[in-house]
Amino acid sequence: MQDGKYCFESANENGHFWIPELDLFLGIWPGERLGQNISWLRWWDKSENLLLWSSEQAEQEKQKAEQEKQRAEKLAAKLRDLGVDPNSL
């Protein structure tokens, strides 16, 4: 908005529009959500990182937890191989 009037803004090279009041970019993201493969409006931060939906965040956290579990299991196995009971630590 300029002088109380709306004005046309051009998209950046990624097709995103900067919204200074929100400190975010808004753009179109083609992908699948809710069983529909269409173009969705999505937000990006000032570094052009896509902001995740809560379901995407939950899935990402689930994957991280699984990776940590596998890592812990490998470490426990290695300790057992070395004759150390990991449950006694």
C-alpha atoms as a PDB file:
ATOM      1  CA  MET A   1       0.000   0.000   0.000  1.00  0.00           C
ATOM      2  CA  GLN A   2       1.299   3.412  -0.893  1.00  0.00           C
ATOM      3  CA  ASP A   3      -0.324   6.697   0.172  1.00  0.00           C
ATOM      4  CA  GLY A   4      -3.333   4.722   1.418  1.00  0.00           C
ATOM      5  CA  LYS A   5      -3.854   3.074  -1.968  1.00  0.00           C
ATOM      6  CA  TYR A   6      -3.197  -0.454  -3.144  1.00  0.00           C
ATOM      7  CA  CYS A   7      -0.489  -0.798  -5.740  1.00  0.00           C
ATOM      8  CA  PHE A   8       0.633  -3.705  -7.897  1.00  0.00           C
ATOM      9  CA  GLU A   9       3.775  -5.459  -6.739  1.00  0.00           C
ATOM     10  CA  SER A  10       5.831  -7.757  -8.907  1.00  0.00           C
ATOM     11  CA  ALA A  11       6.750 -11.247  -7.822  1.00  0.00           C
ATOM     12  CA  ASN A  12      10.382 -12.086  -7.151  1.00  0.00           C
ATOM     13  CA  GLU A  13      12.385 -14.553  -9.244  1.00  0.00           C
ATOM     14  CA  ASN A  14      10.673 -17.452  -7.438  1.00  0.00           C
ATOM     15  CA  GLY A  15       7.195 -16.128  -8.115  1.00  0.00           C
ATOM     16  CA  HIS A  16       6.702 -15.049  -4.504  1.00  0.00           C
ATOM     17  CA  PHE A  17       5.298 -11.756  -3.263  1.00  0.00           C
ATOM     18  CA  TRP A  18       6.853 -10.029  -0.267  1.00  0.00           C
ATOM     19  CA  ILE A  19       4.355  -8.978   2.434  1.00  0.00           C
ATOM     20  CA  PRO A  20       6.307  -6.504   4.614  1.00  0.00           C
ATOM     21  CA  GLU A  21       3.621  -6.284   7.302  1.00  0.00           C
ATOM     22  CA  LEU A  22       4.009 -10.035   7.922  1.00  0.00           C
ATOM     23  CA  ASP A  23       7.726 -10.256   7.150  1.00  0.00           C
ATOM     24  CA  LEU A  24       6.865 -13.188   4.855  1.00  0.00           C
ATOM     25  CA  PHE A  25       6.565 -14.127   1.205  1.00  0.00           C
ATOM     26  CA  LEU A  26       3.326 -15.482  -0.246  1.00  0.00           C
ATOM     27  CA  GLY A  27       3.319 -17.637  -3.343  1.00  0.00           C
ATOM     28  CA  ILE A  28       1.877 -20.616  -5.144  1.00  0.00           C
ATOM     29  CA  TRP A  29       3.135 -24.089  -4.324  1.00  0.00           C
ATOM     30  CA  PRO A  30       2.154 -26.998  -6.582  1.00  0.00           C
ATOM     31  CA  GLY A  31       1.790 -30.144  -4.552  1.00  0.00           C
ATOM     32  CA  GLU A  32      -0.393 -32.633  -2.752  1.00  0.00           C
ATOM     33  CA  ARG A  33      -2.360 -31.867   0.385  1.00  0.00           C
ATOM     34  CA  LEU A  34      -5.554 -33.363   1.732  1.00  0.00           C
ATOM     35  CA  GLY A  35      -5.561 -35.846  -1.123  1.00  0.00           C
ATOM     36  CA  GLN A  36      -5.618 -33.105  -3.737  1.00  0.00           C
ATOM     37  CA  ASN A  37      -2.740 -32.450  -6.103  1.00  0.00           C
ATOM     38  CA  ILE A  38      -3.271 -28.783  -6.988  1.00  0.00           C
ATOM     39  CA  SER A  39      -1.630 -25.385  -6.550  1.00  0.00           C
ATOM     40  CA  TRP A  40      -1.798 -24.074  -2.985  1.00  0.00           C
ATOM     41  CA  LEU A  41      -1.054 -20.672  -1.477  1.00  0.00           C
ATOM     42  CA  ARG A  42       1.942 -21.068   0.825  1.00  0.00           C
ATOM     43  CA  TRP A  43       4.127 -18.853   2.996  1.00  0.00           C
ATOM     44  CA  TRP A  44       7.922 -18.559   2.894  1.00  0.00           C
ATOM     45  CA  ASP A  45      10.174 -16.752   5.352  1.00  0.00           C
ATOM     46  CA  LYS A  46      12.532 -13.943   4.358  1.00  0.00           C
ATOM     47  CA  SER A  47      15.214 -16.521   3.470  1.00  0.00           C
ATOM     48  CA  GLU A  48      12.757 -18.245   1.095  1.00  0.00           C
ATOM     49  CA  ASN A  49      12.326 -21.265   3.389  1.00  0.00           C
ATOM     50  CA  LEU A  50       8.903 -22.830   2.974  1.00  0.00           C
ATOM     51  CA  LEU A  51       6.861 -22.644   6.182  1.00  0.00           C
ATOM     52  CA  LEU A  52       5.494 -26.055   6.969  1.00  0.00           C
ATOM     53  CA  TRP A  53       1.889 -26.928   7.701  1.00  0.00           C
ATOM     54  CA  SER A  54       1.322 -28.525  11.097  1.00  0.00           C
ATOM     55  CA  SER A  55       0.909 -31.957   9.485  1.00  0.00           C
ATOM     56  CA  GLU A  56       4.251 -31.524   7.699  1.00  0.00           C
ATOM     57  CA  GLN A  57       5.904 -30.435  10.946  1.00  0.00           C
ATOM     58  CA  ALA A  58       4.483 -33.474  12.760  1.00  0.00           C
ATOM     59  CA  GLU A  59       5.756 -35.826  10.048  1.00  0.00           C
ATOM     60  CA  GLN A  60       9.192 -34.198  10.160  1.00  0.00           C
ATOM     61  CA  GLU A  61       9.330 -34.593  13.958  1.00  0.00           C
ATOM     62  CA  LYS A  62       8.207 -38.220  13.656  1.00  0.00           C
ATOM     63  CA  GLN A  63      11.037 -38.926  11.193  1.00  0.00           C
ATOM     64  CA  LYS A  64      13.596 -37.221  13.477  1.00  0.00           C
ATOM     65  CA  ALA A  65      12.388 -39.263  16.451  1.00  0.00           C
ATOM     66  CA  GLU A  66      12.694 -42.486  14.444  1.00  0.00           C
ATOM     67  CA  GLN A  67      16.228 -41.562  13.368  1.00  0.00           C
ATOM     68  CA  GLU A  68      17.196 -40.849  16.992  1.00  0.00           C
ATOM     69  CA  LYS A  69      15.686 -44.162  18.099  1.00  0.00           C
ATOM     70  CA  GLN A  70      17.704 -46.039  15.471  1.00  0.00           C
ATOM     71  CA  ARG A  71      20.841 -44.159  16.488  1.00  0.00           C
ATOM     72  CA  ALA A  72      20.284 -45.025  20.170  1.00  0.00           C
ATOM     73  CA  GLU A  73      19.714 -48.680  19.289  1.00  0.00           C
ATOM     74  CA  LYS A  74      22.988 -48.791  17.320  1.00  0.00           C
ATOM     75  CA  LEU A  75      24.884 -47.189  20.198  1.00  0.00           C
ATOM     76  CA  ALA A  76      23.355 -49.624  22.688  1.00  0.00           C
ATOM     77  CA  ALA A  77      24.326 -52.561  20.450  1.00  0.00           C
ATOM     78  CA  LYS A  78      27.885 -51.236  20.187  1.00  0.00           C
ATOM     79  CA  LEU A  79      28.108 -50.892  23.965  1.00  0.00           C
ATOM     80  CA  ARG A  80      26.875 -54.477  24.391  1.00  0.00           C
ATOM     81  CA  ASP A  81      29.522 -55.605  21.879  1.00  0.00           C
ATOM     82  CA  LEU A  82      32.102 -53.926  24.108  1.00  0.00           C
ATOM     83  CA  GLY A  83      30.737 -55.729  27.163  1.00  0.00           C
ATOM     84  CA  VAL A  84      28.912 -52.745  28.629  1.00  0.00           C
ATOM     85  CA  ASP A  85      25.282 -52.953  29.645  1.00  0.00           C
ATOM     86  CA  PRO A  86      23.720 -49.710  28.305  1.00  0.00           C
ATOM     87  CA  ASN A  87      20.921 -49.973  30.879  1.00  0.00           C
ATOM     88  CA  SER A  88      23.434 -49.722  33.713  1.00  0.00           C
ATOM     89  CA  LEU A  89      24.682 -46.289  32.642  1.00  0.00           C
END
